[in-house]
PDB file of N, CA and C in Angstrom:
ATOM      1  N   MET A   1       8.418  10.408 -20.451  1.00  0.00           N
ATOM      2  CA  MET A   1       7.506  10.553 -21.379  1.00  0.00           C
ATOM      3  C   MET A   1       6.597   9.356 -21.588  1.00  0.00           C
ATOM      4  N   SER A   2       5.442   9.267 -21.453  1.00  0.00           N
ATOM      5  CA  SER A   2       4.617   7.983 -21.782  1.00  0.00           C
ATOM      6  C   SER A   2       4.521   7.977 -23.206  1.00  0.00           C
ATOM      7  N   GLN A   3       4.300   6.683 -23.670  1.00  0.00           N
ATOM      8  CA  GLN A   3       3.963   6.560 -25.202  1.00  0.00           C
ATOM      9  C   GLN A   3       2.430   6.525 -25.502  1.00  0.00           C
ATOM     10  N   HIS A   4       2.277   7.130 -26.649  1.00  0.00           N
ATOM     11  CA  HIS A   4       0.895   7.204 -27.176  1.00  0.00           C
ATOM     12  C   HIS A   4       0.887   6.411 -28.460  1.00  0.00           C
ATOM     13  N   THR A   5      -0.262   5.971 -28.925  1.00  0.00           N
ATOM     14  CA  THR A   5      -0.304   5.458 -30.344  1.00  0.00           C
ATOM     15  C   THR A   5       0.288   6.221 -31.310  1.00  0.00           C
ATOM     16  N   PRO A   6       1.245   6.065 -32.198  1.00  0.00           N
ATOM     17  CA  PRO A   6       1.854   6.997 -33.121  1.00  0.00           C
ATOM     18  C   PRO A   6       0.832   7.257 -34.234  1.00  0.00           C
ATOM     19  N   GLY A   7       0.815   8.432 -34.772  1.00  0.00           N
ATOM     20  CA  GLY A   7      -0.126   8.834 -35.831  1.00  0.00           C
ATOM     21  C   GLY A   7       0.468   8.278 -37.143  1.00  0.00           C
ATOM     22  N   PRO A   8      -0.169   8.612 -38.234  1.00  0.00           N
ATOM     23  CA  PRO A   8      -1.349   9.501 -38.349  1.00  0.00           C
ATOM     24  C   PRO A   8      -2.606   8.717 -37.806  1.00  0.00           C
ATOM     25  N   TRP A   9      -3.466   9.509 -36.939  1.00  0.00           N
ATOM     26  CA  TRP A   9      -4.688   9.100 -36.648  1.00  0.00           C
ATOM     27  C   TRP A   9      -5.672   9.514 -37.660  1.00  0.00           C
ATOM     28  N   GLN A  10      -6.850   8.834 -37.940  1.00  0.00           N
ATOM     29  CA  GLN A  10      -7.845   9.166 -38.964  1.00  0.00           C
ATOM     30  C   GLN A  10      -9.185   9.149 -38.409  1.00  0.00           C
ATOM     31  N   ILE A  11     -10.126   9.745 -38.965  1.00  0.00           N
ATOM     32  CA  ILE A  11     -11.456   9.643 -38.431  1.00  0.00           C
ATOM     33  C   ILE A  11     -12.487   9.102 -39.605  1.00  0.00           C
ATOM     34  N   SER A  12     -13.493   8.425 -38.995  1.00  0.00           N
ATOM     35  CA  SER A  12     -14.549   7.849 -39.897  1.00  0.00           C
ATOM     36  C   SER A  12     -15.772   8.057 -39.290  1.00  0.00           C
ATOM     37  N   GLY A  13     -16.815   8.537 -40.073  1.00  0.00           N
ATOM     38  CA  GLY A  13     -18.140   8.795 -39.579  1.00  0.00           C
ATOM     39  C   GLY A  13     -18.867   9.819 -40.455  1.00  0.00           C
ATOM     40  N   PRO A  14     -20.046  10.291 -40.206  1.00  0.00           N
ATOM     41  CA  PRO A  14     -20.844   9.712 -39.052  1.00  0.00           C
ATOM     42  C   PRO A  14     -21.359   8.293 -39.231  1.00  0.00           C
ATOM     43  N   SER A  15     -21.615   7.541 -38.269  1.00  0.00           N
ATOM     44  CA  SER A  15     -22.121   6.299 -38.255  1.00  0.00           C
ATOM     45  C   SER A  15     -23.529   6.350 -38.901  1.00  0.00           C
ATOM     46  N   SER A  16     -23.962   5.240 -39.251  1.00  0.00           N
ATOM     47  CA  SER A  16     -25.370   5.288 -39.984  1.00  0.00           C
ATOM     48  C   SER A  16     -26.557   5.071 -39.027  1.00  0.00           C
ATOM     49  N   GLY A  17     -26.354   4.520 -37.816  1.00  0.00           N
ATOM     50  CA  GLY A  17     -27.532   4.301 -37.059  1.00  0.00           C
ATOM     51  C   GLY A  17     -28.166   2.978 -37.186  1.00  0.00           C
ATOM     52  N   LYS A  18     -27.543   2.189 -38.105  1.00  0.00           N
ATOM     53  CA  LYS A  18     -28.280   0.986 -38.349  1.00  0.00           C
ATOM     54  C   LYS A  18     -27.927  -0.200 -37.584  1.00  0.00           C
ATOM     55  N   GLY A  19     -26.675  -0.118 -36.785  1.00  0.00           N
ATOM     56  CA  GLY A  19     -26.393  -1.096 -35.721  1.00  0.00           C
ATOM     57  C   GLY A  19     -27.254  -1.196 -34.611  1.00  0.00           C
ATOM     58  N   SER A  20     -27.130  -2.276 -33.833  1.00  0.00           N
ATOM     59  CA  SER A  20     -28.059  -2.440 -32.661  1.00  0.00           C
ATOM     60  C   SER A  20     -27.661  -1.566 -31.654  1.00  0.00           C
ATOM     61  N   ASN A  21     -26.418  -1.171 -31.522  1.00  0.00           N
ATOM     62  CA  ASN A  21     -26.085  -0.232 -30.350  1.00  0.00           C
ATOM     63  C   ASN A  21     -25.550   1.217 -31.140  1.00  0.00           C
ATOM     64  N   ASP A  22     -26.268   1.498 -32.144  1.00  0.00           N
ATOM     65  CA  ASP A  22     -25.674   2.675 -32.911  1.00  0.00           C
ATOM     66  C   ASP A  22     -26.910   3.632 -33.112  1.00  0.00           C
ATOM     67  N   ASP A  23     -26.859   4.787 -32.437  1.00  0.00           N
ATOM     68  CA  ASP A  23     -27.966   5.777 -32.598  1.00  0.00           C
ATOM     69  C   ASP A  23     -27.755   6.662 -33.804  1.00  0.00           C
ATOM     70  N   GLY A  24     -26.540   6.495 -34.429  1.00  0.00           N
ATOM     71  CA  GLY A  24     -26.159   7.347 -35.546  1.00  0.00           C
ATOM     72  C   GLY A  24     -25.422   8.612 -35.254  1.00  0.00           C
ATOM     73  N   GLY A  25     -24.601   9.038 -36.081  1.00  0.00           N
ATOM     74  CA  GLY A  25     -23.978  10.316 -35.869  1.00  0.00           C
ATOM     75  C   GLY A  25     -22.613  10.247 -35.261  1.00  0.00           C
ATOM     76  N   ASP A  26     -22.210   9.042 -34.787  1.00  0.00           N
ATOM     77  CA  ASP A  26     -20.931   8.811 -34.091  1.00  0.00           C
ATOM     78  C   ASP A  26     -19.725   8.854 -34.917  1.00  0.00           C
ATOM     79  N   TYR A  27     -18.549   9.180 -34.511  1.00  0.00           N
ATOM     80  CA  TYR A  27     -17.438   9.087 -35.235  1.00  0.00           C
ATOM     81  C   TYR A  27     -16.260   8.157 -34.532  1.00  0.00           C
ATOM     82  N   ALA A  28     -15.496   7.498 -35.400  1.00  0.00           N
ATOM     83  CA  ALA A  28     -14.407   6.636 -34.817  1.00  0.00           C
ATOM     84  C   ALA A  28     -12.986   7.382 -35.047  1.00  0.00           C
ATOM     85  N   ILE A  29     -12.115   7.277 -34.056  1.00  0.00           N
ATOM     86  CA  ILE A  29     -10.828   7.790 -34.357  1.00  0.00           C
ATOM     87  C   ILE A  29      -9.997   6.323 -34.542  1.00  0.00           C
ATOM     88  N   PHE A  30      -9.226   6.260 -35.623  1.00  0.00           N
ATOM     89  CA  PHE A  30      -8.581   4.886 -35.837  1.00  0.00           C
ATOM     90  C   PHE A  30      -7.287   5.169 -36.520  1.00  0.00           C
ATOM     91  N   ILE A  31      -6.515   4.041 -36.345  1.00  0.00           N
ATOM     92  CA  ILE A  31      -5.097   4.078 -37.152  1.00  0.00           C
ATOM     93  C   ILE A  31      -5.312   2.748 -38.174  1.00  0.00           C
ATOM     94  N   ARG A  32      -4.531   2.790 -39.176  1.00  0.00           N
ATOM     95  CA  ARG A  32      -4.443   1.548 -40.057  1.00  0.00           C
ATOM     96  C   ARG A  32      -3.034   1.101 -40.023  1.00  0.00           C
ATOM     97  N   ASP A  33      -2.991  -0.142 -39.557  1.00  0.00           N
ATOM     98  CA  ASP A  33      -1.565  -0.845 -39.694  1.00  0.00           C
ATOM     99  C   ASP A  33      -1.387  -1.114 -41.001  1.00  0.00           C
ATOM    100  N   GLU A  34      -0.513  -0.560 -41.823  1.00  0.00           N
ATOM    101  CA  GLU A  34      -0.146  -0.814 -43.206  1.00  0.00           C
ATOM    102  C   GLU A  34       0.657  -2.214 -43.254  1.00  0.00           C
ATOM    103  N   LEU A  35       0.485  -2.927 -44.459  1.00  0.00           N
ATOM    104  CA  LEU A  35       1.159  -3.992 -44.698  1.00  0.00           C
ATOM    105  C   LEU A  35       2.601  -3.645 -45.218  1.00  0.00           C
ATOM    106  N   PRO A  36       3.505  -4.337 -45.076  1.00  0.00           N
ATOM    107  CA  PRO A  36       4.821  -4.151 -45.531  1.00  0.00           C
ATOM    108  C   PRO A  36       4.773  -3.700 -47.092  1.00  0.00           C
ATOM    109  N   THR A  37       3.690  -4.074 -47.779  1.00  0.00           N
ATOM    110  CA  THR A  37       3.640  -3.647 -49.139  1.00  0.00           C
ATOM    111  C   THR A  37       3.158  -2.101 -49.334  1.00  0.00           C
ATOM    112  N   GLY A  38       2.675  -1.667 -48.192  1.00  0.00           N
ATOM    113  CA  GLY A  38       2.078  -0.118 -48.236  1.00  0.00           C
ATOM    114  C   GLY A  38       0.674  -0.194 -48.629  1.00  0.00           C
ATOM    115  N   VAL A  39       0.105  -1.334 -48.671  1.00  0.00           N
ATOM    116  CA  VAL A  39      -1.399  -1.281 -48.785  1.00  0.00           C
ATOM    117  C   VAL A  39      -2.224  -2.043 -47.865  1.00  0.00           C
ATOM    118  N   GLY A  40      -3.527  -1.656 -47.757  1.00  0.00           N
ATOM    119  CA  GLY A  40      -4.408  -2.528 -46.881  1.00  0.00           C
ATOM    120  C   GLY A  40      -4.030  -2.513 -45.388  1.00  0.00           C
ATOM    121  N   GLY A  41      -4.243  -3.452 -44.861  1.00  0.00           N
ATOM    122  CA  GLY A  41      -3.853  -3.538 -43.284  1.00  0.00           C
ATOM    123  C   GLY A  41      -5.117  -3.617 -42.369  1.00  0.00           C
ATOM    124  N   ASP A  42      -4.649  -3.799 -41.007  1.00  0.00           N
ATOM    125  CA  ASP A  42      -5.793  -3.906 -40.095  1.00  0.00           C
ATOM    126  C   ASP A  42      -6.052  -2.567 -39.648  1.00  0.00           C
ATOM    127  N   VAL A  43      -7.386  -2.351 -39.310  1.00  0.00           N
ATOM    128  CA  VAL A  43      -7.766  -0.949 -38.592  1.00  0.00           C
ATOM    129  C   VAL A  43      -7.986  -1.296 -37.097  1.00  0.00           C
ATOM    130  N   GLN A  44      -7.366  -0.388 -36.269  1.00  0.00           N
ATOM    131  CA  GLN A  44      -7.515  -0.453 -34.924  1.00  0.00           C
ATOM    132  C   GLN A  44      -8.291   0.954 -34.396  1.00  0.00           C
ATOM    133  N   ILE A  45      -9.432   0.692 -33.708  1.00  0.00           N
ATOM    134  CA  ILE A  45     -10.210   1.840 -33.273  1.00  0.00           C
ATOM    135  C   ILE A  45      -9.496   2.303 -31.976  1.00  0.00           C
ATOM    136  N   LEU A  46      -9.277   3.636 -31.894  1.00  0.00           N
ATOM    137  CA  LEU A  46      -8.529   4.257 -30.668  1.00  0.00           C
ATOM    138  C   LEU A  46      -9.705   4.744 -29.823  1.00  0.00           C
ATOM    139  N   ALA A  47     -10.669   5.391 -30.378  1.00  0.00           N
ATOM    140  CA  ALA A  47     -11.661   5.992 -29.612  1.00  0.00           C
ATOM    141  C   ALA A  47     -12.865   6.182 -30.509  1.00  0.00           C
ATOM    142  N   GLU A  48     -14.033   6.389 -29.720  1.00  0.00           N
ATOM    143  CA  GLU A  48     -15.211   6.706 -30.383  1.00  0.00           C
ATOM    144  C   GLU A  48     -15.814   7.934 -29.781  1.00  0.00           C
ATOM    145  N   VAL A  49     -16.263   8.884 -30.660  1.00  0.00           N
ATOM    146  CA  VAL A  49     -16.947  10.184 -30.339  1.00  0.00           C
ATOM    147  C   VAL A  49     -18.235   9.890 -30.462  1.00  0.00           C
ATOM    148  N   ILE A  50     -19.089  10.242 -29.316  1.00  0.00           N
ATOM    149  CA  ILE A  50     -20.529   9.916 -29.429  1.00  0.00           C
ATOM    150  C   ILE A  50     -21.204  11.113 -29.659  1.00  0.00           C
ATOM    151  N   TYR A  51     -22.201  11.167 -30.476  1.00  0.00           N
ATOM    152  CA  TYR A  51     -23.109  12.278 -31.104  1.00  0.00           C
ATOM    153  C   TYR A  51     -24.100  12.500 -29.930  1.00  0.00           C
ATOM    154  N   GLN A  52     -24.887  11.728 -29.488  1.00  0.00           N
ATOM    155  CA  GLN A  52     -25.991  11.910 -28.522  1.00  0.00           C
ATOM    156  C   GLN A  52     -25.630  11.240 -27.196  1.00  0.00           C
ATOM    157  N   THR A  53     -25.393  12.043 -26.237  1.00  0.00           N
ATOM    158  CA  THR A  53     -25.040  11.651 -24.899  1.00  0.00           C
ATOM    159  C   THR A  53     -26.170  11.501 -23.865  1.00  0.00           C
ATOM    160  N   ASP A  54     -27.321  12.058 -24.401  1.00  0.00           N
ATOM    161  CA  ASP A  54     -28.449  12.054 -23.563  1.00  0.00           C
ATOM    162  C   ASP A  54     -29.663  12.200 -24.480  1.00  0.00           C
ATOM    163  N   THR A  55     -31.088  12.080 -24.043  1.00  0.00           N
ATOM    164  CA  THR A  55     -32.124  12.063 -25.032  1.00  0.00           C
ATOM    165  C   THR A  55     -32.097  13.462 -25.693  1.00  0.00           C
ATOM    166  N   SER A  56     -31.502  14.485 -25.062  1.00  0.00           N
ATOM    167  CA  SER A  56     -31.643  15.816 -25.761  1.00  0.00           C
ATOM    168  C   SER A  56     -30.265  16.540 -25.824  1.00  0.00           C
ATOM    169  N   ILE A  57     -29.278  15.955 -25.592  1.00  0.00           N
ATOM    170  CA  ILE A  57     -27.926  16.424 -25.609  1.00  0.00           C
ATOM    171  C   ILE A  57     -27.096  15.774 -26.751  1.00  0.00           C
ATOM    172  N   TYR A  58     -26.753  16.714 -27.706  1.00  0.00           N
ATOM    173  CA  TYR A  58     -25.971  16.459 -28.864  1.00  0.00           C
ATOM    174  C   TYR A  58     -24.755  17.073 -28.744  1.00  0.00           C
ATOM    175  N   GLN A  59     -23.524  16.371 -29.201  1.00  0.00           N
ATOM    176  CA  GLN A  59     -22.205  16.974 -29.154  1.00  0.00           C
ATOM    177  C   GLN A  59     -21.725  17.310 -30.503  1.00  0.00           C
ATOM    178  N   PRO A  60     -20.753  18.243 -30.587  1.00  0.00           N
ATOM    179  CA  PRO A  60     -20.237  18.735 -31.787  1.00  0.00           C
ATOM    180  C   PRO A  60     -19.216  17.658 -32.271  1.00  0.00           C
ATOM    181  N   VAL A  61     -19.719  16.415 -32.673  1.00  0.00           N
ATOM    182  CA  VAL A  61     -18.782  15.136 -32.813  1.00  0.00           C
ATOM    183  C   VAL A  61     -17.658  15.259 -33.863  1.00  0.00           C
ATOM    184  N   GLU A  62     -18.134  15.879 -35.042  1.00  0.00           N
ATOM    185  CA  GLU A  62     -17.159  16.000 -36.122  1.00  0.00           C
ATOM    186  C   GLU A  62     -15.925  16.874 -35.780  1.00  0.00           C
ATOM    187  N   ALA A  63     -16.191  18.000 -35.192  1.00  0.00           N
ATOM    188  CA  ALA A  63     -15.025  18.874 -34.684  1.00  0.00           C
ATOM    189  C   ALA A  63     -14.423  18.284 -33.605  1.00  0.00           C
ATOM    190  N   ASN A  64     -14.905  17.520 -32.637  1.00  0.00           N
ATOM    191  CA  ASN A  64     -14.167  16.900 -31.808  1.00  0.00           C
ATOM    192  C   ASN A  64     -13.328  15.739 -32.201  1.00  0.00           C
ATOM    193  N   ALA A  65     -13.855  14.850 -33.099  1.00  0.00           N
ATOM    194  CA  ALA A  65     -13.057  13.993 -33.684  1.00  0.00           C
ATOM    195  C   ALA A  65     -11.889  14.398 -34.438  1.00  0.00           C
ATOM    196  N   ARG A  66     -12.133  15.521 -35.245  1.00  0.00           N
ATOM    197  CA  ARG A  66     -11.041  16.004 -35.979  1.00  0.00           C
ATOM    198  C   ARG A  66      -9.991  16.577 -35.162  1.00  0.00           C
ATOM    199  N   LEU A  67     -10.119  17.143 -33.849  1.00  0.00           N
ATOM    200  CA  LEU A  67      -9.223  17.636 -32.967  1.00  0.00           C
ATOM    201  C   LEU A  67      -8.478  16.413 -32.307  1.00  0.00           C
ATOM    202  N   MET A  68      -9.172  15.492 -32.059  1.00  0.00           N
ATOM    203  CA  MET A  68      -8.625  14.325 -31.347  1.00  0.00           C
ATOM    204  C   MET A  68      -7.768  13.596 -32.329  1.00  0.00           C
ATOM    205  N   ALA A  69      -8.036  13.506 -33.706  1.00  0.00           N
ATOM    206  CA  ALA A  69      -7.376  12.820 -34.589  1.00  0.00           C
ATOM    207  C   ALA A  69      -5.938  13.557 -34.859  1.00  0.00           C
ATOM    208  N   GLN A  70      -6.044  14.874 -34.577  1.00  0.00           N
ATOM    209  CA  GLN A  70      -4.724  15.625 -34.717  1.00  0.00           C
ATOM    210  C   GLN A  70      -3.888  15.740 -33.633  1.00  0.00           C
ATOM    211  N   SER A  71      -4.193  15.090 -32.498  1.00  0.00           N
ATOM    212  CA  SER A  71      -3.365  15.137 -31.108  1.00  0.00           C
ATOM    213  C   SER A  71      -2.006  14.771 -31.354  1.00  0.00           C
ATOM    214  N   PRO A  72      -1.558  13.743 -32.277  1.00  0.00           N
ATOM    215  CA  PRO A  72      -0.140  13.494 -32.338  1.00  0.00           C
ATOM    216  C   PRO A  72       0.491  14.591 -33.124  1.00  0.00           C
ATOM    217  N   ASN A  73      -0.184  15.198 -33.971  1.00  0.00           N
ATOM    218  CA  ASN A  73       0.538  16.230 -34.861  1.00  0.00           C
ATOM    219  C   ASN A  73       0.605  17.424 -34.042  1.00  0.00           C
ATOM    220  N   LEU A  74      -0.226  17.758 -33.209  1.00  0.00           N
ATOM    221  CA  LEU A  74      -0.348  19.044 -32.349  1.00  0.00           C
ATOM    222  C   LEU A  74       0.655  18.934 -31.205  1.00  0.00           C
ATOM    223  N   LEU A  75       0.883  17.570 -30.625  1.00  0.00           N
ATOM    224  CA  LEU A  75       1.810  17.422 -29.762  1.00  0.00           C
ATOM    225  C   LEU A  75       3.262  17.538 -30.210  1.00  0.00           C
ATOM    226  N   SER A  76       3.524  17.026 -31.451  1.00  0.00           N
ATOM    227  CA  SER A  76       4.785  17.147 -32.039  1.00  0.00           C
ATOM    228  C   SER A  76       5.137  18.492 -32.308  1.00  0.00           C
ATOM    229  N   ALA A  77       4.258  19.316 -32.930  1.00  0.00           N
ATOM    230  CA  ALA A  77       4.385  20.769 -33.091  1.00  0.00           C
ATOM    231  C   ALA A  77       4.625  21.548 -31.892  1.00  0.00           C
ATOM    232  N   LEU A  78       4.054  21.282 -30.843  1.00  0.00           N
ATOM    233  CA  LEU A  78       4.283  22.004 -29.590  1.00  0.00           C
ATOM    234  C   LEU A  78       5.727  21.692 -29.015  1.00  0.00           C
ATOM    235  N   VAL A  79       6.013  20.365 -29.035  1.00  0.00           N
ATOM    236  CA  VAL A  79       7.392  20.024 -28.653  1.00  0.00           C
ATOM    237  C   VAL A  79       8.499  20.730 -29.393  1.00  0.00           C
ATOM    238  N   LEU A  80       8.246  20.602 -30.832  1.00  0.00           N
ATOM    239  CA  LEU A  80       9.358  21.415 -31.585  1.00  0.00           C
ATOM    240  C   LEU A  80       9.282  22.881 -31.361  1.00  0.00           C
ATOM    241  N   LEU A  81       8.053  23.667 -31.185  1.00  0.00           N
ATOM    242  CA  LEU A  81       8.004  24.943 -30.779  1.00  0.00           C
ATOM    243  C   LEU A  81       8.760  25.341 -29.569  1.00  0.00           C
ATOM    244  N   LEU A  82       8.625  24.457 -28.488  1.00  0.00           N
ATOM    245  CA  LEU A  82       9.152  24.715 -27.195  1.00  0.00           C
ATOM    246  C   LEU A  82      10.774  24.566 -27.309  1.00  0.00           C
ATOM    247  N   SER A  83      11.050  23.653 -28.059  1.00  0.00           N
ATOM    248  CA  SER A  83      12.489  23.297 -28.282  1.00  0.00           C
ATOM    249  C   SER A  83      13.173  24.455 -28.848  1.00  0.00           C
ATOM    250  N   ASP A  84      12.506  24.986 -29.812  1.00  0.00           N
ATOM    251  CA  ASP A  84      13.135  26.317 -30.596  1.00  0.00           C
ATOM    252  C   ASP A  84      13.188  27.440 -29.595  1.00  0.00           C
ATOM    253  N   CYS A  85      12.355  27.512 -28.698  1.00  0.00           N
ATOM    254  CA  CYS A  85      12.213  28.651 -27.816  1.00  0.00           C
ATOM    255  C   CYS A  85      13.249  28.459 -26.746  1.00  0.00           C
ATOM    256  N   GLU A  86      13.517  27.243 -26.229  1.00  0.00           N
ATOM    257  CA  GLU A  86      14.476  26.946 -25.246  1.00  0.00           C
ATOM    258  C   GLU A  86      15.894  26.994 -25.762  1.00  0.00           C
ATOM    259  N   GLN A  87      16.127  26.921 -27.222  1.00  0.00           N
ATOM    260  CA  GLN A  87      17.392  26.845 -27.610  1.00  0.00           C
ATOM    261  C   GLN A  87      17.780  28.203 -28.285  1.00  0.00           C
ATOM    262  N   GLY A  88      17.302  29.339 -27.747  1.00  0.00           N
ATOM    263  CA  GLY A  88      17.680  30.540 -28.138  1.00  0.00           C
ATOM    264  C   GLY A  88      17.086  31.084 -29.338  1.00  0.00           C
ATOM    265  N   ALA A  89      15.848  30.948 -29.597  1.00  0.00           N
ATOM    266  CA  ALA A  89      15.098  31.697 -30.651  1.00  0.00           C
ATOM    267  C   ALA A  89      14.964  33.113 -30.274  1.00  0.00           C
ATOM    268  N   ASP A  90      14.655  33.808 -31.019  1.00  0.00           N
ATOM    269  CA  ASP A  90      14.698  35.411 -31.104  1.00  0.00           C
ATOM    270  C   ASP A  90      13.873  35.678 -29.731  1.00  0.00           C
ATOM    271  N   PRO A  91      14.378  36.414 -28.836  1.00  0.00           N
ATOM    272  CA  PRO A  91      13.724  36.633 -27.591  1.00  0.00           C
ATOM    273  C   PRO A  91      12.583  37.478 -27.659  1.00  0.00           C
ATOM    274  N   PHE A  92      12.395  38.166 -28.859  1.00  0.00           N
ATOM    275  CA  PHE A  92      11.305  39.101 -29.137  1.00  0.00           C
ATOM    276  C   PHE A  92      10.055  38.450 -29.774  1.00  0.00           C
ATOM    277  N   ASP A  93      10.372  37.108 -30.197  1.00  0.00           N
ATOM    278  CA  ASP A  93       9.427  36.491 -30.911  1.00  0.00           C
ATOM    279  C   ASP A  93       8.273  36.081 -29.894  1.00  0.00           C
ATOM    280  N   PRO A  94       6.938  36.484 -30.172  1.00  0.00           N
ATOM    281  CA  PRO A  94       5.704  36.468 -29.298  1.00  0.00           C
ATOM    282  C   PRO A  94       5.647  34.993 -28.956  1.00  0.00           C
ATOM    283  N   ARG A  95       5.923  34.013 -29.745  1.00  0.00           N
ATOM    284  CA  ARG A  95       5.692  32.713 -29.272  1.00  0.00           C
ATOM    285  C   ARG A  95       6.511  32.197 -27.995  1.00  0.00           C
ATOM    286  N   CYS A  96       7.649  32.939 -27.799  1.00  0.00           N
ATOM    287  CA  CYS A  96       8.585  32.496 -26.680  1.00  0.00           C
ATOM    288  C   CYS A  96       8.392  33.245 -25.520  1.00  0.00           C
ATOM    289  N   LYS A  97       7.285  33.970 -25.404  1.00  0.00           N
ATOM    290  CA  LYS A  97       7.072  34.657 -24.074  1.00  0.00           C
ATOM    291  C   LYS A  97       7.076  33.584 -22.966  1.00  0.00           C
ATOM    292  N   THR A  98       7.584  34.005 -21.756  1.00  0.00           N
ATOM    293  CA  THR A  98       7.610  33.090 -20.606  1.00  0.00           C
ATOM    294  C   THR A  98       6.294  32.400 -20.342  1.00  0.00           C
ATOM    295  N   GLY A  99       5.179  33.134 -20.353  1.00  0.00           N
ATOM    296  CA  GLY A  99       3.843  32.636 -20.085  1.00  0.00           C
ATOM    297  C   GLY A  99       3.497  31.448 -21.280  1.00  0.00           C
ATOM    298  N   SER A 100       3.884  31.720 -22.430  1.00  0.00           N
ATOM    299  CA  SER A 100       3.441  30.736 -23.549  1.00  0.00           C
ATOM    300  C   SER A 100       4.371  29.435 -23.348  1.00  0.00           C
ATOM    301  N   VAL A 101       5.600  29.646 -22.903  1.00  0.00           N
ATOM    302  CA  VAL A 101       6.518  28.698 -22.811  1.00  0.00           C
ATOM    303  C   VAL A 101       5.995  27.636 -21.637  1.00  0.00           C
ATOM    304  N   ASP A 102       5.607  28.345 -20.546  1.00  0.00           N
ATOM    305  CA  ASP A 102       5.055  27.629 -19.391  1.00  0.00           C
ATOM    306  C   ASP A 102       3.790  26.897 -19.677  1.00  0.00           C
ATOM    307  N   LYS A 103       2.965  27.450 -20.521  1.00  0.00           N
ATOM    308  CA  LYS A 103       1.670  26.777 -20.894  1.00  0.00           C
ATOM    309  C   LYS A 103       2.114  25.668 -21.858  1.00  0.00           C
ATOM    310  N   ALA A 104       3.185  25.899 -22.741  1.00  0.00           N
ATOM    311  CA  ALA A 104       3.609  24.726 -23.552  1.00  0.00           C
ATOM    312  C   ALA A 104       4.205  23.522 -22.786  1.00  0.00           C
ATOM    313  N   ARG A 105       4.826  23.848 -21.748  1.00  0.00           N
ATOM    314  CA  ARG A 105       5.555  22.823 -20.792  1.00  0.00           C
ATOM    315  C   ARG A 105       4.414  22.041 -20.120  1.00  0.00           C
ATOM    316  N   ALA A 106       3.370  22.900 -19.657  1.00  0.00           N
ATOM    317  CA  ALA A 106       2.301  22.244 -18.968  1.00  0.00           C
ATOM    318  C   ALA A 106       1.449  21.361 -19.851  1.00  0.00           C
ATOM    319  N   ALA A 107       1.129  21.660 -21.033  1.00  0.00           N
ATOM    320  CA  ALA A 107       0.484  20.895 -22.014  1.00  0.00           C
ATOM    321  C   ALA A 107       1.140  19.542 -22.345  1.00  0.00           C
ATOM    322  N   ILE A 108       2.388  19.725 -22.630  1.00  0.00           N
ATOM    323  CA  ILE A 108       3.114  18.568 -22.878  1.00  0.00           C
ATOM    324  C   ILE A 108       3.259  17.490 -21.856  1.00  0.00           C
ATOM    325  N   LYS A 109       3.448  18.051 -20.602  1.00  0.00           N
ATOM    326  CA  LYS A 109       3.501  17.156 -19.390  1.00  0.00           C
ATOM    327  C   LYS A 109       2.151  16.626 -19.315  1.00  0.00           C
ATOM    328  N   ALA A 110       0.917  17.284 -19.428  1.00  0.00           N
ATOM    329  CA  ALA A 110      -0.314  16.714 -19.211  1.00  0.00           C
ATOM    330  C   ALA A 110      -0.576  15.413 -20.264  1.00  0.00           C
ATOM    331  N   ALA A 111      -0.014  15.831 -21.363  1.00  0.00           N
ATOM    332  CA  ALA A 111      -0.265  14.764 -22.611  1.00  0.00           C
ATOM    333  C   ALA A 111       0.641  13.661 -22.658  1.00  0.00           C
ATOM    334  N   THR A 112       1.703  13.732 -21.816  1.00  0.00           N
ATOM    335  CA  THR A 112       2.685  12.613 -21.886  1.00  0.00           C
ATOM    336  C   THR A 112       2.865  12.215 -20.466  1.00  0.00           C
TER     337      THR A 112
END
């Protein structure tokens, strides 16, 4: 399993459009390295979600940024659900159907 930047991931945006390379409307996905005191810390940008990808193409950046920021939580939940299904959860639980388990395994494999 490959490592990803641990969460929580946060979002910031939309950008103002006031910077030299900023058309406005973009969102950043970031983590904040907390200091040992639990306050402050450095911000590390993980990704930027671009609002305008062409002169007439605009993306749903806030929704995309929120989904991206929840990736570590979604992966953890999926791993836990798959573990529960593989360890003898109720065979009639609809979450544990073979197709669902196969999709969960494939998604985890693709993400890790």
